[in-house]
């Protein structure tokens, strides 16, 4: 049996059109537009899959004086959040 995937479950709920899960009448059209523009996996999980975005955020923060040094990726998050758990 495959592990339960909360994100996939949530995405599946948005794809259902018989009874909308939210009170936004255009949610189906917005879901379709978003996935066309950003692909099916527009909420990537994990540091590896977000490496470019995180690196850019650190670089921009440094360049704009928001942080005093470039912070290594492994120092951005508490060590316990780097572990992967399957519920």
PDB file of N, CA and C in Angstrom:
ATOM      1  N   UNK A   1       0.841  -1.185   0.000  1.00  0.00           N
ATOM      2  CA  UNK A   1       0.000   0.000   0.000  1.00  0.00           C
ATOM      3  C   UNK A   1       0.885   1.248   0.000  1.00  0.00           C
ATOM      4  N   UNK A   2       0.606   2.153  -0.892  1.00  0.00           N
ATOM      5  CA  UNK A   2       1.384   3.386  -1.007  1.00  0.00           C
ATOM      6  C   UNK A   2       1.101   4.291   0.190  1.00  0.00           C
ATOM      7  N   UNK A   3       2.117   5.063   0.654  1.00  0.00           N
ATOM      8  CA  UNK A   3       1.899   5.983   1.768  1.00  0.00           C
ATOM      9  C   UNK A   3       0.929   7.092   1.364  1.00  0.00           C
ATOM     10  N   UNK A   4       0.189   7.594   2.347  1.00  0.00           N
ATOM     11  CA  UNK A   4      -0.765   8.675   2.111  1.00  0.00           C
ATOM     12  C   UNK A   4      -0.010   9.956   1.792  1.00  0.00           C
ATOM     13  N   UNK A   5      -0.443  10.648   0.769  1.00  0.00           N
ATOM     14  CA  UNK A   5       0.205  11.884   0.343  1.00  0.00           C
ATOM     15  C   UNK A   5      -0.806  13.016   0.480  1.00  0.00           C
ATOM     16  N   UNK A   6      -0.642  13.847   1.513  1.00  0.00           N
ATOM     17  CA  UNK A   6      -1.596  14.923   1.802  1.00  0.00           C
ATOM     18  C   UNK A   6      -1.697  15.910   0.639  1.00  0.00           C
ATOM     19  N   UNK A   7      -0.574  16.244   0.035  1.00  0.00           N
ATOM     20  CA  UNK A   7      -0.614  17.204  -1.068  1.00  0.00           C
ATOM     21  C   UNK A   7      -1.402  16.643  -2.235  1.00  0.00           C
ATOM     22  N   UNK A   8      -1.159  15.394  -2.582  1.00  0.00           N
ATOM     23  CA  UNK A   8      -1.875  14.778  -3.694  1.00  0.00           C
ATOM     24  C   UNK A   8      -3.363  14.683  -3.391  1.00  0.00           C
ATOM     25  N   UNK A   9      -3.689  14.380  -2.149  1.00  0.00           N
ATOM     26  CA  UNK A   9      -5.092  14.321  -1.739  1.00  0.00           C
ATOM     27  C   UNK A   9      -5.765  15.686  -1.897  1.00  0.00           C
ATOM     28  N   UNK A  10      -5.076  16.733  -1.502  1.00  0.00           N
ATOM     29  CA  UNK A  10      -5.611  18.091  -1.630  1.00  0.00           C
ATOM     30  C   UNK A  10      -5.783  18.465  -3.095  1.00  0.00           C
ATOM     31  N   UNK A  11      -4.799  18.143  -3.911  1.00  0.00           N
ATOM     32  CA  UNK A  11      -4.892  18.438  -5.344  1.00  0.00           C
ATOM     33  C   UNK A  11      -6.043  17.671  -5.984  1.00  0.00           C
ATOM     34  N   UNK A  12      -6.218  16.435  -5.594  1.00  0.00           N
ATOM     35  CA  UNK A  12      -7.342  15.645  -6.110  1.00  0.00           C
ATOM     36  C   UNK A  12      -8.677  16.299  -5.757  1.00  0.00           C
ATOM     37  N   UNK A  13      -8.769  16.825  -4.545  1.00  0.00           N
ATOM     38  CA  UNK A  13     -10.009  17.482  -4.117  1.00  0.00           C
ATOM     39  C   UNK A  13     -10.318  18.695  -4.988  1.00  0.00           C
ATOM     40  N   UNK A  14      -9.297  19.434  -5.386  1.00  0.00           N
ATOM     41  CA  UNK A  14      -9.516  20.592  -6.253  1.00  0.00           C
ATOM     42  C   UNK A  14      -9.951  20.177  -7.656  1.00  0.00           C
ATOM     43  N   UNK A  15      -9.559  18.995  -8.073  1.00  0.00           N
ATOM     44  CA  UNK A  15      -9.936  18.527  -9.420  1.00  0.00           C
ATOM     45  C   UNK A  15     -11.394  18.076  -9.492  1.00  0.00           C
ATOM     46  N   UNK A  16     -11.983  17.788  -8.343  1.00  0.00           N
ATOM     47  CA  UNK A  16     -13.375  17.336  -8.317  1.00  0.00           C
ATOM     48  C   UNK A  16     -14.301  18.528  -8.591  1.00  0.00           C
ATOM     49  N   UNK A  17     -15.214  18.360  -9.507  1.00  0.00           N
ATOM     50  CA  UNK A  17     -16.088  19.484  -9.870  1.00  0.00           C
ATOM     51  C   UNK A  17     -17.555  19.258  -9.527  1.00  0.00           C
ATOM     52  N   UNK A  18     -17.922  18.066  -9.096  1.00  0.00           N
ATOM     53  CA  UNK A  18     -19.330  17.794  -8.773  1.00  0.00           C
ATOM     54  C   UNK A  18     -19.785  18.612  -7.569  1.00  0.00           C
ATOM     55  N   UNK A  19     -18.940  18.699  -6.566  1.00  0.00           N
ATOM     56  CA  UNK A  19     -19.217  19.509  -5.372  1.00  0.00           C
ATOM     57  C   UNK A  19     -17.910  20.187  -4.994  1.00  0.00           C
ATOM     58  N   UNK A  20     -17.822  21.465  -5.241  1.00  0.00           N
ATOM     59  CA  UNK A  20     -16.576  22.195  -4.980  1.00  0.00           C
ATOM     60  C   UNK A  20     -16.225  22.178  -3.499  1.00  0.00           C
ATOM     61  N   UNK A  21     -14.937  22.091  -3.197  1.00  0.00           N
ATOM     62  CA  UNK A  21     -14.450  22.041  -1.816  1.00  0.00           C
ATOM     63  C   UNK A  21     -14.286  23.425  -1.208  1.00  0.00           C
ATOM     64  N   UNK A  22     -14.328  24.456  -2.027  1.00  0.00           N
ATOM     65  CA  UNK A  22     -14.202  25.831  -1.551  1.00  0.00           C
ATOM     66  C   UNK A  22     -15.326  26.653  -2.158  1.00  0.00           C
ATOM     67  N   UNK A  23     -15.613  27.805  -1.565  1.00  0.00           N
ATOM     68  CA  UNK A  23     -16.709  28.645  -2.036  1.00  0.00           C
ATOM     69  C   UNK A  23     -16.236  29.689  -3.038  1.00  0.00           C
ATOM     70  N   UNK A  24     -15.348  29.290  -3.891  1.00  0.00           N
ATOM     71  CA  UNK A  24     -14.836  30.156  -4.941  1.00  0.00           C
ATOM     72  C   UNK A  24     -15.372  29.609  -6.266  1.00  0.00           C
ATOM     73  N   UNK A  25     -16.338  30.269  -6.887  1.00  0.00           N
ATOM     74  CA  UNK A  25     -16.996  29.705  -8.053  1.00  0.00           C
ATOM     75  C   UNK A  25     -16.076  29.428  -9.240  1.00  0.00           C
ATOM     76  N   UNK A  26     -14.984  30.146  -9.332  1.00  0.00           N
ATOM     77  CA  UNK A  26     -14.088  29.951 -10.473  1.00  0.00           C
ATOM     78  C   UNK A  26     -12.850  29.121 -10.101  1.00  0.00           C
ATOM     79  N   UNK A  27     -12.936  28.347  -9.014  1.00  0.00           N
ATOM     80  CA  UNK A  27     -11.782  27.569  -8.562  1.00  0.00           C
ATOM     81  C   UNK A  27     -11.325  26.565  -9.619  1.00  0.00           C
ATOM     82  N   UNK A  28     -12.231  25.948 -10.340  1.00  0.00           N
ATOM     83  CA  UNK A  28     -11.846  24.972 -11.358  1.00  0.00           C
ATOM     84  C   UNK A  28     -11.068  25.650 -12.483  1.00  0.00           C
ATOM     85  N   UNK A  29     -11.562  26.788 -12.957  1.00  0.00           N
ATOM     86  CA  UNK A  29     -10.870  27.520 -14.018  1.00  0.00           C
ATOM     87  C   UNK A  29      -9.493  27.993 -13.529  1.00  0.00           C
ATOM     88  N   UNK A  30      -9.429  28.437 -12.281  1.00  0.00           N
ATOM     89  CA  UNK A  30      -8.151  28.903 -11.731  1.00  0.00           C
ATOM     90  C   UNK A  30      -7.168  27.741 -11.584  1.00  0.00           C
ATOM     91  N   UNK A  31      -7.670  26.588 -11.145  1.00  0.00           N
ATOM     92  CA  UNK A  31      -6.821  25.393 -11.023  1.00  0.00           C
ATOM     93  C   UNK A  31      -6.240  25.029 -12.388  1.00  0.00           C
ATOM     94  N   UNK A  32      -7.084  25.014 -13.407  1.00  0.00           N
ATOM     95  CA  UNK A  32      -6.627  24.669 -14.755  1.00  0.00           C
ATOM     96  C   UNK A  32      -5.602  25.678 -15.262  1.00  0.00           C
ATOM     97  N   UNK A  33      -5.851  26.956 -15.040  1.00  0.00           N
ATOM     98  CA  UNK A  33      -4.934  28.001 -15.479  1.00  0.00           C
ATOM     99  C   UNK A  33      -3.586  27.891 -14.759  1.00  0.00           C
ATOM    100  N   UNK A  34      -3.646  27.653 -13.482  1.00  0.00           N
ATOM    101  CA  UNK A  34      -2.414  27.529 -12.695  1.00  0.00           C
ATOM    102  C   UNK A  34      -1.577  26.351 -13.159  1.00  0.00           C
ATOM    103  N   UNK A  35      -2.206  25.202 -13.344  1.00  0.00           N
ATOM    104  CA  UNK A  35      -1.443  24.023 -13.764  1.00  0.00           C
ATOM    105  C   UNK A  35      -0.925  24.161 -15.193  1.00  0.00           C
ATOM    106  N   UNK A  36      -1.625  24.903 -16.039  1.00  0.00           N
ATOM    107  CA  UNK A  36      -1.107  25.157 -17.391  1.00  0.00           C
ATOM    108  C   UNK A  36       0.138  26.026 -17.335  1.00  0.00           C
ATOM    109  N   UNK A  37       0.114  27.037 -16.467  1.00  0.00           N
ATOM    110  CA  UNK A  37       1.237  27.967 -16.367  1.00  0.00           C
ATOM    111  C   UNK A  37       2.414  27.380 -15.596  1.00  0.00           C
ATOM    112  N   UNK A  38       2.126  26.628 -14.527  1.00  0.00           N
ATOM    113  CA  UNK A  38       3.183  26.215 -13.607  1.00  0.00           C
ATOM    114  C   UNK A  38       3.424  24.709 -13.568  1.00  0.00           C
ATOM    115  N   UNK A  39       2.616  23.952 -14.292  1.00  0.00           N
ATOM    116  CA  UNK A  39       2.769  22.499 -14.278  1.00  0.00           C
ATOM    117  C   UNK A  39       1.991  21.867 -13.133  1.00  0.00           C
ATOM    118  N   UNK A  40       1.910  20.559 -13.161  1.00  0.00           N
ATOM    119  CA  UNK A  40       1.138  19.837 -12.146  1.00  0.00           C
ATOM    120  C   UNK A  40       1.772  19.919 -10.756  1.00  0.00           C
ATOM    121  N   UNK A  41       3.070  20.077 -10.689  1.00  0.00           N
ATOM    122  CA  UNK A  41       3.771  20.083  -9.408  1.00  0.00           C
ATOM    123  C   UNK A  41       4.242  21.493  -9.074  1.00  0.00           C
ATOM    124  N   UNK A  42       3.296  22.388  -8.824  1.00  0.00           N
ATOM    125  CA  UNK A  42       3.687  23.770  -8.546  1.00  0.00           C
ATOM    126  C   UNK A  42       3.907  24.031  -7.060  1.00  0.00           C
ATOM    127  N   UNK A  43       3.767  23.021  -6.217  1.00  0.00           N
ATOM    128  CA  UNK A  43       4.106  23.103  -4.800  1.00  0.00           C
ATOM    129  C   UNK A  43       5.166  22.052  -4.499  1.00  0.00           C
ATOM    130  N   UNK A  44       6.355  22.191  -5.053  1.00  0.00           N
ATOM    131  CA  UNK A  44       7.354  21.141  -4.827  1.00  0.00           C
ATOM    132  C   UNK A  44       7.785  21.087  -3.361  1.00  0.00           C
ATOM    133  N   UNK A  45       7.908  19.883  -2.847  1.00  0.00           N
ATOM    134  CA  UNK A  45       8.336  19.672  -1.475  1.00  0.00           C
ATOM    135  C   UNK A  45       9.830  19.389  -1.433  1.00  0.00           C
ATOM    136  N   UNK A  46      10.475  19.787  -0.375  1.00  0.00           N
ATOM    137  CA  UNK A  46      11.859  19.421  -0.130  1.00  0.00           C
ATOM    138  C   UNK A  46      12.860  20.457  -0.610  1.00  0.00           C
ATOM    139  N   UNK A  47      14.012  20.436   0.034  1.00  0.00           N
ATOM    140  CA  UNK A  47      15.068  21.387  -0.294  1.00  0.00           C
ATOM    141  C   UNK A  47      15.613  21.145  -1.692  1.00  0.00           C
ATOM    142  N   UNK A  48      15.849  19.894  -2.028  1.00  0.00           N
ATOM    143  CA  UNK A  48      16.444  19.589  -3.339  1.00  0.00           C
ATOM    144  C   UNK A  48      15.601  20.143  -4.477  1.00  0.00           C
ATOM    145  N   UNK A  49      14.293  19.986  -4.396  1.00  0.00           N
ATOM    146  CA  UNK A  49      13.420  20.432  -5.480  1.00  0.00           C
ATOM    147  C   UNK A  49      13.189  21.942  -5.455  1.00  0.00           C
ATOM    148  N   UNK A  50      13.599  22.598  -4.378  1.00  0.00           N
ATOM    149  CA  UNK A  50      13.451  24.049  -4.257  1.00  0.00           C
ATOM    150  C   UNK A  50      14.796  24.756  -4.176  1.00  0.00           C
ATOM    151  N   UNK A  51      15.849  24.064  -4.514  1.00  0.00           N
ATOM    152  CA  UNK A  51      17.221  24.582  -4.381  1.00  0.00           C
ATOM    153  C   UNK A  51      17.407  25.919  -5.105  1.00  0.00           C
ATOM    154  N   UNK A  52      16.979  26.001  -6.333  1.00  0.00           N
ATOM    155  CA  UNK A  52      17.178  27.237  -7.110  1.00  0.00           C
ATOM    156  C   UNK A  52      16.433  28.410  -6.484  1.00  0.00           C
ATOM    157  N   UNK A  53      15.215  28.193  -6.050  1.00  0.00           N
ATOM    158  CA  UNK A  53      14.415  29.257  -5.435  1.00  0.00           C
ATOM    159  C   UNK A  53      15.026  29.707  -4.118  1.00  0.00           C
ATOM    160  N   UNK A  54      15.421  28.754  -3.294  1.00  0.00           N
ATOM    161  CA  UNK A  54      16.018  29.088  -2.001  1.00  0.00           C
ATOM    162  C   UNK A  54      17.355  29.809  -2.170  1.00  0.00           C
ATOM    163  N   UNK A  55      18.161  29.340  -3.101  1.00  0.00           N
ATOM    164  CA  UNK A  55      19.444  29.983  -3.371  1.00  0.00           C
ATOM    165  C   UNK A  55      19.240  31.419  -3.837  1.00  0.00           C
ATOM    166  N   UNK A  56      18.281  31.632  -4.715  1.00  0.00           N
ATOM    167  CA  UNK A  56      17.979  32.986  -5.201  1.00  0.00           C
ATOM    168  C   UNK A  56      17.489  33.871  -4.059  1.00  0.00           C
ATOM    169  N   UNK A  57      16.643  33.337  -3.182  1.00  0.00           N
ATOM    170  CA  UNK A  57      16.130  34.126  -2.056  1.00  0.00           C
ATOM    171  C   UNK A  57      17.269  34.562  -1.138  1.00  0.00           C
ATOM    172  N   UNK A  58      18.194  33.658  -0.865  1.00  0.00           N
ATOM    173  CA  UNK A  58      19.350  34.001  -0.025  1.00  0.00           C
ATOM    174  C   UNK A  58      20.212  35.044  -0.736  1.00  0.00           C
ATOM    175  N   UNK A  59      20.472  34.838  -2.017  1.00  0.00           N
ATOM    176  CA  UNK A  59      21.311  35.781  -2.779  1.00  0.00           C
ATOM    177  C   UNK A  59      20.682  37.173  -2.817  1.00  0.00           C
ATOM    178  N   UNK A  60      19.394  37.250  -3.119  1.00  0.00           N
ATOM    179  CA  UNK A  60      18.718  38.547  -3.176  1.00  0.00           C
ATOM    180  C   UNK A  60      18.704  39.218  -1.803  1.00  0.00           C
ATOM    181  N   UNK A  61      18.480  38.435  -0.764  1.00  0.00           N
ATOM    182  CA  UNK A  61      18.469  38.996   0.593  1.00  0.00           C
ATOM    183  C   UNK A  61      19.826  39.582   0.950  1.00  0.00           C
ATOM    184  N   UNK A  62      20.878  38.901   0.556  1.00  0.00           N
ATOM    185  CA  UNK A  62      22.237  39.378   0.799  1.00  0.00           C
ATOM    186  C   UNK A  62      22.505  40.659  -0.001  1.00  0.00           C
ATOM    187  N   UNK A  63      22.173  40.634  -1.277  1.00  0.00           N
ATOM    188  CA  UNK A  63      22.417  41.794  -2.143  1.00  0.00           C
ATOM    189  C   UNK A  63      21.648  43.026  -1.680  1.00  0.00           C
ATOM    190  N   UNK A  64      20.471  42.828  -1.101  1.00  0.00           N
ATOM    191  CA  UNK A  64      19.638  43.947  -0.663  1.00  0.00           C
ATOM    192  C   UNK A  64      19.917  44.351   0.783  1.00  0.00           C
ATOM    193  N   UNK A  65      20.897  43.708   1.391  1.00  0.00           N
ATOM    194  CA  UNK A  65      21.281  44.066   2.752  1.00  0.00           C
ATOM    195  C   UNK A  65      20.356  43.543   3.832  1.00  0.00           C
ATOM    196  N   UNK A  66      19.508  42.607   3.493  1.00  0.00           N
ATOM    197  CA  UNK A  66      18.594  42.047   4.491  1.00  0.00           C
ATOM    198  C   UNK A  66      19.291  41.048   5.400  1.00  0.00           C
ATOM    199  N   UNK A  67      20.344  40.419   4.892  1.00  0.00           N
ATOM    200  CA  UNK A  67      21.179  39.526   5.691  1.00  0.00           C
ATOM    201  C   UNK A  67      22.635  39.938   5.486  1.00  0.00           C
ATOM    202  N   UNK A  68      23.478  39.698   6.482  1.00  0.00           N
ATOM    203  CA  UNK A  68      24.854  40.185   6.425  1.00  0.00           C
ATOM    204  C   UNK A  68      25.819  39.223   5.748  1.00  0.00           C
ATOM    205  N   UNK A  69      25.387  37.992   5.517  1.00  0.00           N
ATOM    206  CA  UNK A  69      26.241  37.001   4.855  1.00  0.00           C
ATOM    207  C   UNK A  69      25.370  36.012   4.095  1.00  0.00           C
ATOM    208  N   UNK A  70      25.982  35.333   3.145  1.00  0.00           N
ATOM    209  CA  UNK A  70      25.269  34.277   2.422  1.00  0.00           C
ATOM    210  C   UNK A  70      25.152  33.068   3.347  1.00  0.00           C
ATOM    211  N   UNK A  71      23.954  32.613   3.551  1.00  0.00           N
ATOM    212  CA  UNK A  71      23.700  31.516   4.485  1.00  0.00           C
ATOM    213  C   UNK A  71      23.659  30.202   3.719  1.00  0.00           C
ATOM    214  N   UNK A  72      24.436  29.207   4.163  1.00  0.00           N
ATOM    215  CA  UNK A  72      24.400  27.917   3.474  1.00  0.00           C
ATOM    216  C   UNK A  72      23.019  27.267   3.603  1.00  0.00           C
ATOM    217  N   UNK A  73      22.639  26.518   2.612  1.00  0.00           N
ATOM    218  CA  UNK A  73      21.319  25.907   2.558  1.00  0.00           C
ATOM    219  C   UNK A  73      21.001  25.102   3.817  1.00  0.00           C
ATOM    220  N   UNK A  74      21.962  24.314   4.298  1.00  0.00           N
ATOM    221  CA  UNK A  74      21.692  23.463   5.459  1.00  0.00           C
ATOM    222  C   UNK A  74      21.483  24.267   6.740  1.00  0.00           C
ATOM    223  N   UNK A  75      21.864  25.549   6.738  1.00  0.00           N
ATOM    224  CA  UNK A  75      21.675  26.395   7.917  1.00  0.00           C
ATOM    225  C   UNK A  75      20.344  27.152   7.882  1.00  0.00           C
ATOM    226  N   UNK A  76      19.615  27.066   6.797  1.00  0.00           N
ATOM    227  CA  UNK A  76      18.341  27.796   6.690  1.00  0.00           C
ATOM    228  C   UNK A  76      17.220  27.172   7.515  1.00  0.00           C
ATOM    229  N   UNK A  77      17.295  25.871   7.736  1.00  0.00           N
ATOM    230  CA  UNK A  77      16.207  25.157   8.389  1.00  0.00           C
ATOM    231  C   UNK A  77      16.715  24.377   9.589  1.00  0.00           C
ATOM    232  N   UNK A  78      15.864  24.215  10.582  1.00  0.00           N
ATOM    233  CA  UNK A  78      16.209  23.381  11.730  1.00  0.00           C
ATOM    234  C   UNK A  78      16.482  21.966  11.242  1.00  0.00           C
ATOM    235  N   UNK A  79      17.460  21.315  11.841  1.00  0.00           N
ATOM    236  CA  UNK A  79      17.853  19.984  11.386  1.00  0.00           C
ATOM    237  C   UNK A  79      16.680  19.004  11.372  1.00  0.00           C
ATOM    238  N   UNK A  80      15.803  19.122  12.341  1.00  0.00           N
ATOM    239  CA  UNK A  80      14.671  18.190  12.420  1.00  0.00           C
ATOM    240  C   UNK A  80      13.710  18.339  11.242  1.00  0.00           C
ATOM    241  N   UNK A  81      13.698  19.509  10.612  1.00  0.00           N
ATOM    242  CA  UNK A  81      12.793  19.701   9.476  1.00  0.00           C
ATOM    243  C   UNK A  81      13.370  19.111   8.189  1.00  0.00           C
ATOM    244  N   UNK A  82      14.627  18.733   8.217  1.00  0.00           N
ATOM    245  CA  UNK A  82      15.257  18.171   7.028  1.00  0.00           C
ATOM    246  C   UNK A  82      14.981  16.680   6.895  1.00  0.00           C
ATOM    247  N   UNK A  83      14.479  16.075   7.951  1.00  0.00           N
ATOM    248  CA  UNK A  83      14.158  14.648   7.909  1.00  0.00           C
ATOM    249  C   UNK A  83      12.832  14.452   7.193  1.00  0.00           C
ATOM    250  N   UNK A  84      12.708  13.311   6.539  1.00  0.00           N
ATOM    251  CA  UNK A  84      11.489  13.029   5.805  1.00  0.00           C
ATOM    252  C   UNK A  84      10.685  11.981   6.565  1.00  0.00           C
ATOM    253  N   UNK A  85       9.448  12.305   6.815  1.00  0.00           N
ATOM    254  CA  UNK A  85       8.566  11.380   7.511  1.00  0.00           C
ATOM    255  C   UNK A  85       7.391  11.033   6.618  1.00  0.00           C
ATOM    256  N   UNK A  86       6.987   9.803   6.685  1.00  0.00           N
ATOM    257  CA  UNK A  86       5.793   9.367   5.968  1.00  0.00           C
ATOM    258  C   UNK A  86       4.755   8.990   7.028  1.00  0.00           C
ATOM    259  N   UNK A  87       3.628   9.637   6.964  1.00  0.00           N
ATOM    260  CA  UNK A  87       2.559   9.392   7.944  1.00  0.00           C
ATOM    261  C   UNK A  87       1.542   8.455   7.328  1.00  0.00           C
TER     262      UNK A  87
END
